[in-house]
Amino acid sequence: MDSPFNTIRTLLVTSIRHGESVKTVQARLGHANAAETLDTYSHLWPDSDDRTREAVDQVLASFLADSLRTEALP
């Protein structure tokens, strides 16, 4: 059985992965300020390199899909 801490951490990670702001997570955790939240959980938020990689991956996947559709035309 999961502990309450594990459940809270799972909800926290899910919120962050879905783009929740530091201020919202801070409020949900009851932290006094955003610095406290970031000091503890900053490693969970994607950095600009992660966002850039994700954006490029999406563009390349779209390009590849379009390319394959074009090649499949008679």
PDB file of N, CA and C in Angstrom:
ATOM      1  N   MET A   1       0.840  -1.185   0.000  1.00  0.00           N
ATOM      2  CA  MET A   1       0.000   0.000   0.000  1.00  0.00           C
ATOM      3  C   MET A   1       0.884   1.247   0.000  1.00  0.00           C
ATOM      4  N   ASP A   2       0.512   2.224  -0.810  1.00  0.00           N
ATOM      5  CA  ASP A   2       1.281   3.461  -0.886  1.00  0.00           C
ATOM      6  C   ASP A   2       1.075   4.311   0.364  1.00  0.00           C
ATOM      7  N   SER A   3       2.138   4.981   0.729  1.00  0.00           N
ATOM      8  CA  SER A   3       2.029   5.915   1.845  1.00  0.00           C
ATOM      9  C   SER A   3       1.410   7.217   1.343  1.00  0.00           C
ATOM     10  N   PRO A   4       0.888   8.038   2.250  1.00  0.00           N
ATOM     11  CA  PRO A   4       0.353   9.338   1.816  1.00  0.00           C
ATOM     12  C   PRO A   4       1.410  10.165   1.091  1.00  0.00           C
ATOM     13  N   PHE A   5       2.665  10.067   1.523  1.00  0.00           N
ATOM     14  CA  PHE A   5       3.731  10.821   0.857  1.00  0.00           C
ATOM     15  C   PHE A   5       3.872  10.388  -0.595  1.00  0.00           C
ATOM     16  N   ASN A   6       3.845   9.070  -0.856  1.00  0.00           N
ATOM     17  CA  ASN A   6       3.965   8.584  -2.239  1.00  0.00           C
ATOM     18  C   ASN A   6       2.804   9.055  -3.093  1.00  0.00           C
ATOM     19  N   THR A   7       1.615   9.071  -2.532  1.00  0.00           N
ATOM     20  CA  THR A   7       0.441   9.541  -3.269  1.00  0.00           C
ATOM     21  C   THR A   7       0.575  11.020  -3.604  1.00  0.00           C
ATOM     22  N   ILE A   8       0.987  11.815  -2.635  1.00  0.00           N
ATOM     23  CA  ILE A   8       1.178  13.250  -2.862  1.00  0.00           C
ATOM     24  C   ILE A   8       2.255  13.480  -3.909  1.00  0.00           C
ATOM     25  N   ARG A   9       3.366  12.744  -3.816  1.00  0.00           N
ATOM     26  CA  ARG A   9       4.458  12.901  -4.783  1.00  0.00           C
ATOM     27  C   ARG A   9       3.980  12.519  -6.196  1.00  0.00           C
ATOM     28  N   THR A  10       3.193  11.470  -6.310  1.00  0.00           N
ATOM     29  CA  THR A  10       2.669  11.066  -7.621  1.00  0.00           C
ATOM     30  C   THR A  10       1.787  12.164  -8.209  1.00  0.00           C
ATOM     31  N   LEU A  11       0.913  12.741  -7.402  1.00  0.00           N
ATOM     32  CA  LEU A  11       0.069  13.837  -7.870  1.00  0.00           C
ATOM     33  C   LEU A  11       0.907  15.050  -8.249  1.00  0.00           C
ATOM     34  N   LEU A  12       1.939  15.323  -7.472  1.00  0.00           N
ATOM     35  CA  LEU A  12       2.838  16.438  -7.749  1.00  0.00           C
ATOM     36  C   LEU A  12       3.538  16.248  -9.094  1.00  0.00           C
ATOM     37  N   VAL A  13       4.128  15.089  -9.292  1.00  0.00           N
ATOM     38  CA  VAL A  13       4.853  14.814 -10.538  1.00  0.00           C
ATOM     39  C   VAL A  13       3.908  14.891 -11.727  1.00  0.00           C
ATOM     40  N   THR A  14       2.714  14.347 -11.584  1.00  0.00           N
ATOM     41  CA  THR A  14       1.727  14.407 -12.666  1.00  0.00           C
ATOM     42  C   THR A  14       1.350  15.849 -12.989  1.00  0.00           C
ATOM     43  N   SER A  15       1.153  16.645 -11.969  1.00  0.00           N
ATOM     44  CA  SER A  15       0.821  18.068 -12.172  1.00  0.00           C
ATOM     45  C   SER A  15       1.927  18.784 -12.925  1.00  0.00           C
ATOM     46  N   ILE A  16       3.157  18.557 -12.517  1.00  0.00           N
ATOM     47  CA  ILE A  16       4.304  19.221 -13.155  1.00  0.00           C
ATOM     48  C   ILE A  16       4.434  18.773 -14.603  1.00  0.00           C
ATOM     49  N   ARG A  17       4.309  17.484 -14.859  1.00  0.00           N
ATOM     50  CA  ARG A  17       4.423  16.969 -16.229  1.00  0.00           C
ATOM     51  C   ARG A  17       3.338  17.501 -17.149  1.00  0.00           C
ATOM     52  N   HIS A  18       2.216  17.902 -16.561  1.00  0.00           N
ATOM     53  CA  HIS A  18       1.126  18.463 -17.359  1.00  0.00           C
ATOM     54  C   HIS A  18       1.165  19.982 -17.383  1.00  0.00           C
ATOM     55  N   GLY A  19       2.302  20.554 -16.991  1.00  0.00           N
ATOM     56  CA  GLY A  19       2.526  21.983 -17.169  1.00  0.00           C
ATOM     57  C   GLY A  19       2.044  22.883 -16.049  1.00  0.00           C
ATOM     58  N   GLU A  20       1.781  22.319 -14.887  1.00  0.00           N
ATOM     59  CA  GLU A  20       1.309  23.146 -13.776  1.00  0.00           C
ATOM     60  C   GLU A  20       2.406  24.108 -13.334  1.00  0.00           C
ATOM     61  N   SER A  21       2.020  25.302 -12.951  1.00  0.00           N
ATOM     62  CA  SER A  21       2.994  26.331 -12.561  1.00  0.00           C
ATOM     63  C   SER A  21       3.542  26.070 -11.165  1.00  0.00           C
ATOM     64  N   VAL A  22       4.672  26.681 -10.900  1.00  0.00           N
ATOM     65  CA  VAL A  22       5.300  26.572  -9.579  1.00  0.00           C
ATOM     66  C   VAL A  22       4.350  27.089  -8.508  1.00  0.00           C
ATOM     67  N   LYS A  23       3.678  28.203  -8.776  1.00  0.00           N
ATOM     68  CA  LYS A  23       2.773  28.794  -7.785  1.00  0.00           C
ATOM     69  C   LYS A  23       1.608  27.863  -7.459  1.00  0.00           C
ATOM     70  N   THR A  24       1.078  27.189  -8.447  1.00  0.00           N
ATOM     71  CA  THR A  24      -0.026  26.270  -8.204  1.00  0.00           C
ATOM     72  C   THR A  24       0.443  25.086  -7.362  1.00  0.00           C
ATOM     73  N   VAL A  25       1.597  24.517  -7.725  1.00  0.00           N
ATOM     74  CA  VAL A  25       2.143  23.393  -6.966  1.00  0.00           C
ATOM     75  C   VAL A  25       2.466  23.842  -5.539  1.00  0.00           C
ATOM     76  N   GLN A  26       3.026  25.030  -5.404  1.00  0.00           N
ATOM     77  CA  GLN A  26       3.323  25.578  -4.079  1.00  0.00           C
ATOM     78  C   GLN A  26       2.072  25.609  -3.211  1.00  0.00           C
ATOM     79  N   ALA A  27       0.991  26.113  -3.768  1.00  0.00           N
ATOM     80  CA  ALA A  27      -0.262  26.218  -3.021  1.00  0.00           C
ATOM     81  C   ALA A  27      -0.794  24.844  -2.632  1.00  0.00           C
ATOM     82  N   ARG A  28      -0.722  23.895  -3.557  1.00  0.00           N
ATOM     83  CA  ARG A  28      -1.228  22.550  -3.268  1.00  0.00           C
ATOM     84  C   ARG A  28      -0.421  21.862  -2.172  1.00  0.00           C
ATOM     85  N   LEU A  29       0.886  22.142  -2.146  1.00  0.00           N
ATOM     86  CA  LEU A  29       1.740  21.521  -1.128  1.00  0.00           C
ATOM     87  C   LEU A  29       1.716  22.273   0.198  1.00  0.00           C
ATOM     88  N   GLY A  30       1.187  23.495   0.188  1.00  0.00           N
ATOM     89  CA  GLY A  30       1.157  24.292   1.411  1.00  0.00           C
ATOM     90  C   GLY A  30       2.495  24.915   1.755  1.00  0.00           C
ATOM     91  N   HIS A  31       3.364  25.066   0.755  1.00  0.00           N
ATOM     92  CA  HIS A  31       4.664  25.702   0.992  1.00  0.00           C
ATOM     93  C   HIS A  31       4.467  27.201   1.205  1.00  0.00           C
ATOM     94  N   ALA A  32       5.360  27.785   2.002  1.00  0.00           N
ATOM     95  CA  ALA A  32       5.259  29.211   2.334  1.00  0.00           C
ATOM     96  C   ALA A  32       5.497  30.094   1.113  1.00  0.00           C
ATOM     97  N   ASN A  33       6.358  29.644   0.195  1.00  0.00           N
ATOM     98  CA  ASN A  33       6.661  30.431  -0.999  1.00  0.00           C
ATOM     99  C   ASN A  33       7.156  29.511  -2.115  1.00  0.00           C
ATOM    100  N   ALA A  34       7.257  30.068  -3.318  1.00  0.00           N
ATOM    101  CA  ALA A  34       7.679  29.282  -4.477  1.00  0.00           C
ATOM    102  C   ALA A  34       9.125  28.823  -4.351  1.00  0.00           C
ATOM    103  N   ALA A  35       9.954  29.595  -3.660  1.00  0.00           N
ATOM    104  CA  ALA A  35      11.357  29.209  -3.486  1.00  0.00           C
ATOM    105  C   ALA A  35      11.459  27.871  -2.750  1.00  0.00           C
ATOM    106  N   GLU A  36      10.622  27.677  -1.753  1.00  0.00           N
ATOM    107  CA  GLU A  36      10.627  26.410  -1.011  1.00  0.00           C
ATOM    108  C   GLU A  36      10.283  25.239  -1.945  1.00  0.00           C
ATOM    109  N   THR A  37       9.286  25.446  -2.791  1.00  0.00           N
ATOM    110  CA  THR A  37       8.887  24.407  -3.745  1.00  0.00           C
ATOM    111  C   THR A  37      10.011  24.124  -4.733  1.00  0.00           C
ATOM    112  N   LEU A  38      10.611  25.183  -5.270  1.00  0.00           N
ATOM    113  CA  LEU A  38      11.691  25.000  -6.244  1.00  0.00           C
ATOM    114  C   LEU A  38      12.943  24.401  -5.615  1.00  0.00           C
ATOM    115  N   ASP A  39      13.234  24.788  -4.392  1.00  0.00           N
ATOM    116  CA  ASP A  39      14.402  24.204  -3.710  1.00  0.00           C
ATOM    117  C   ASP A  39      14.261  22.691  -3.592  1.00  0.00           C
ATOM    118  N   THR A  40      13.039  22.231  -3.415  1.00  0.00           N
ATOM    119  CA  THR A  40      12.797  20.807  -3.213  1.00  0.00           C
ATOM    120  C   THR A  40      12.533  20.050  -4.509  1.00  0.00           C
ATOM    121  N   TYR A  41      11.799  20.669  -5.433  1.00  0.00           N
ATOM    122  CA  TYR A  41      11.289  19.931  -6.592  1.00  0.00           C
ATOM    123  C   TYR A  41      11.707  20.492  -7.953  1.00  0.00           C
ATOM    124  N   SER A  42      12.641  21.412  -8.003  1.00  0.00           N
ATOM    125  CA  SER A  42      12.989  22.034  -9.291  1.00  0.00           C
ATOM    126  C   SER A  42      13.449  21.018 -10.333  1.00  0.00           C
ATOM    127  N   HIS A  43      14.043  19.920  -9.893  1.00  0.00           N
ATOM    128  CA  HIS A  43      14.522  18.907 -10.839  1.00  0.00           C
ATOM    129  C   HIS A  43      13.385  18.233 -11.608  1.00  0.00           C
ATOM    130  N   LEU A  44      12.153  18.398 -11.147  1.00  0.00           N
ATOM    131  CA  LEU A  44      11.020  17.767 -11.826  1.00  0.00           C
ATOM    132  C   LEU A  44      10.469  18.597 -12.980  1.00  0.00           C
ATOM    133  N   TRP A  45      10.728  19.905 -12.967  1.00  0.00           N
ATOM    134  CA  TRP A  45      10.248  20.748 -14.065  1.00  0.00           C
ATOM    135  C   TRP A  45      11.198  20.610 -15.241  1.00  0.00           C
ATOM    136  N   PRO A  46      10.641  20.530 -16.454  1.00  0.00           N
ATOM    137  CA  PRO A  46      11.525  20.432 -17.625  1.00  0.00           C
ATOM    138  C   PRO A  46      12.293  21.737 -17.819  1.00  0.00           C
ATOM    139  N   ASP A  47      13.545  21.605 -18.231  1.00  0.00           N
ATOM    140  CA  ASP A  47      14.312  22.812 -18.513  1.00  0.00           C
ATOM    141  C   ASP A  47      14.159  23.168 -19.987  1.00  0.00           C
ATOM    142  N   SER A  48      14.796  24.249 -20.407  1.00  0.00           N
ATOM    143  CA  SER A  48      14.615  24.698 -21.789  1.00  0.00           C
ATOM    144  C   SER A  48      15.166  23.686 -22.789  1.00  0.00           C
ATOM    145  N   ASP A  49      16.202  22.934 -22.414  1.00  0.00           N
ATOM    146  CA  ASP A  49      16.716  21.890 -23.308  1.00  0.00           C
ATOM    147  C   ASP A  49      15.665  20.808 -23.529  1.00  0.00           C
ATOM    148  N   ASP A  50      14.981  20.413 -22.461  1.00  0.00           N
ATOM    149  CA  ASP A  50      13.924  19.408 -22.594  1.00  0.00           C
ATOM    150  C   ASP A  50      12.814  19.907 -23.505  1.00  0.00           C
ATOM    151  N   ARG A  51      12.402  21.157 -23.322  1.00  0.00           N
ATOM    152  CA  ARG A  51      11.324  21.711 -24.150  1.00  0.00           C
ATOM    153  C   ARG A  51      11.756  21.821 -25.606  1.00  0.00           C
ATOM    154  N   THR A  52      12.997  22.208 -25.834  1.00  0.00           N
ATOM    155  CA  THR A  52      13.504  22.327 -27.199  1.00  0.00           C
ATOM    156  C   THR A  52      13.553  20.965 -27.874  1.00  0.00           C
ATOM    157  N   ARG A  53      14.064  19.963 -27.166  1.00  0.00           N
ATOM    158  CA  ARG A  53      14.114  18.606 -27.725  1.00  0.00           C
ATOM    159  C   ARG A  53      12.713  18.108 -28.065  1.00  0.00           C
ATOM    160  N   GLU A  54      11.779  18.356 -27.190  1.00  0.00           N
ATOM    161  CA  GLU A  54      10.405  17.914 -27.415  1.00  0.00           C
ATOM    162  C   GLU A  54       9.804  18.604 -28.645  1.00  0.00           C
ATOM    163  N   ALA A  55      10.045  19.898 -28.779  1.00  0.00           N
ATOM    164  CA  ALA A  55       9.518  20.646 -29.925  1.00  0.00           C
ATOM    165  C   ALA A  55      10.116  20.121 -31.232  1.00  0.00           C
ATOM    166  N   VAL A  56      11.416  19.881 -31.252  1.00  0.00           N
ATOM    167  CA  VAL A  56      12.077  19.370 -32.456  1.00  0.00           C
ATOM    168  C   VAL A  56      11.564  17.971 -32.777  1.00  0.00           C
ATOM    169  N   ASP A  57      11.405  17.134 -31.755  1.00  0.00           N
ATOM    170  CA  ASP A  57      10.868  15.786 -31.981  1.00  0.00           C
ATOM    171  C   ASP A  57       9.487  15.837 -32.617  1.00  0.00           C
ATOM    172  N   GLN A  58       8.637  16.748 -32.161  1.00  0.00           N
ATOM    173  CA  GLN A  58       7.296  16.863 -32.723  1.00  0.00           C
ATOM    174  C   GLN A  58       7.338  17.310 -34.177  1.00  0.00           C
ATOM    175  N   VAL A  59       8.195  18.275 -34.480  1.00  0.00           N
ATOM    176  CA  VAL A  59       8.310  18.758 -35.856  1.00  0.00           C
ATOM    177  C   VAL A  59       8.827  17.647 -36.765  1.00  0.00           C
ATOM    178  N   LEU A  60       9.861  16.935 -36.316  1.00  0.00           N
ATOM    179  CA  LEU A  60      10.424  15.861 -37.138  1.00  0.00           C
ATOM    180  C   LEU A  60       9.423  14.725 -37.328  1.00  0.00           C
ATOM    181  N   ALA A  61       8.682  14.385 -36.297  1.00  0.00           N
ATOM    182  CA  ALA A  61       7.673  13.326 -36.419  1.00  0.00           C
ATOM    183  C   ALA A  61       6.594  13.732 -37.419  1.00  0.00           C
ATOM    184  N   SER A  62       6.181  14.984 -37.373  1.00  0.00           N
ATOM    185  CA  SER A  62       5.176  15.484 -38.301  1.00  0.00           C
ATOM    186  C   SER A  62       5.721  15.462 -39.731  1.00  0.00           C
ATOM    187  N   PHE A  63       6.957  15.895 -39.896  1.00  0.00           N
ATOM    188  CA  PHE A  63       7.594  15.894 -41.224  1.00  0.00           C
ATOM    189  C   PHE A  63       7.686  14.478 -41.765  1.00  0.00           C
ATOM    190  N   LEU A  64       8.106  13.539 -40.917  1.00  0.00           N
ATOM    191  CA  LEU A  64       8.235  12.152 -41.345  1.00  0.00           C
ATOM    192  C   LEU A  64       6.877  11.588 -41.741  1.00  0.00           C
ATOM    193  N   ALA A  65       5.858  11.865 -40.954  1.00  0.00           N
ATOM    194  CA  ALA A  65       4.505  11.374 -41.274  1.00  0.00           C
ATOM    195  C   ALA A  65       4.028  11.941 -42.606  1.00  0.00           C
ATOM    196  N   ASP A  66       4.253  13.245 -42.836  1.00  0.00           N
ATOM    197  CA  ASP A  66       3.863  13.864 -44.105  1.00  0.00           C
ATOM    198  C   ASP A  66       4.639  13.251 -45.258  1.00  0.00           C
ATOM    199  N   SER A  67       5.913  12.995 -45.047  1.00  0.00           N
ATOM    200  CA  SER A  67       6.763  12.422 -46.070  1.00  0.00           C
ATOM    201  C   SER A  67       6.286  11.026 -46.441  1.00  0.00           C
ATOM    202  N   LEU A  68       5.927  10.232 -45.444  1.00  0.00           N
ATOM    203  CA  LEU A  68       5.458   8.875 -45.718  1.00  0.00           C
ATOM    204  C   LEU A  68       4.126   8.884 -46.436  1.00  0.00           C
ATOM    205  N   ARG A  69       3.248   9.822 -46.079  1.00  0.00           N
ATOM    206  CA  ARG A  69       1.958   9.928 -46.774  1.00  0.00           C
ATOM    207  C   ARG A  69       2.177  10.314 -48.232  1.00  0.00           C
ATOM    208  N   THR A  70       3.108  11.234 -48.486  1.00  0.00           N
ATOM    209  CA  THR A  70       3.381  11.679 -49.851  1.00  0.00           C
ATOM    210  C   THR A  70       3.938  10.540 -50.688  1.00  0.00           C
ATOM    211  N   GLU A  71       4.846   9.736 -50.109  1.00  0.00           N
ATOM    212  CA  GLU A  71       5.418   8.603 -50.836  1.00  0.00           C
ATOM    213  C   GLU A  71       4.375   7.542 -51.133  1.00  0.00           C
ATOM    214  N   ALA A  72       3.362   7.439 -50.318  1.00  0.00           N
ATOM    215  CA  ALA A  72       2.337   6.403 -50.485  1.00  0.00           C
ATOM    216  C   ALA A  72       1.334   6.757 -51.588  1.00  0.00           C
ATOM    217  N   LEU A  73       1.317   8.008 -52.020  1.00  0.00           N
ATOM    218  CA  LEU A  73       0.380   8.418 -53.075  1.00  0.00           C
ATOM    219  C   LEU A  73       0.744   7.748 -54.387  1.00  0.00           C
ATOM    220  N   PRO A  74      -0.284   7.389 -55.205  1.00  0.00           N
ATOM    221  CA  PRO A  74       0.001   6.721 -56.501  1.00  0.00           C
ATOM    222  C   PRO A  74       0.615   7.651 -57.514  1.00  0.00           C
TER     223      PRO A  74
END
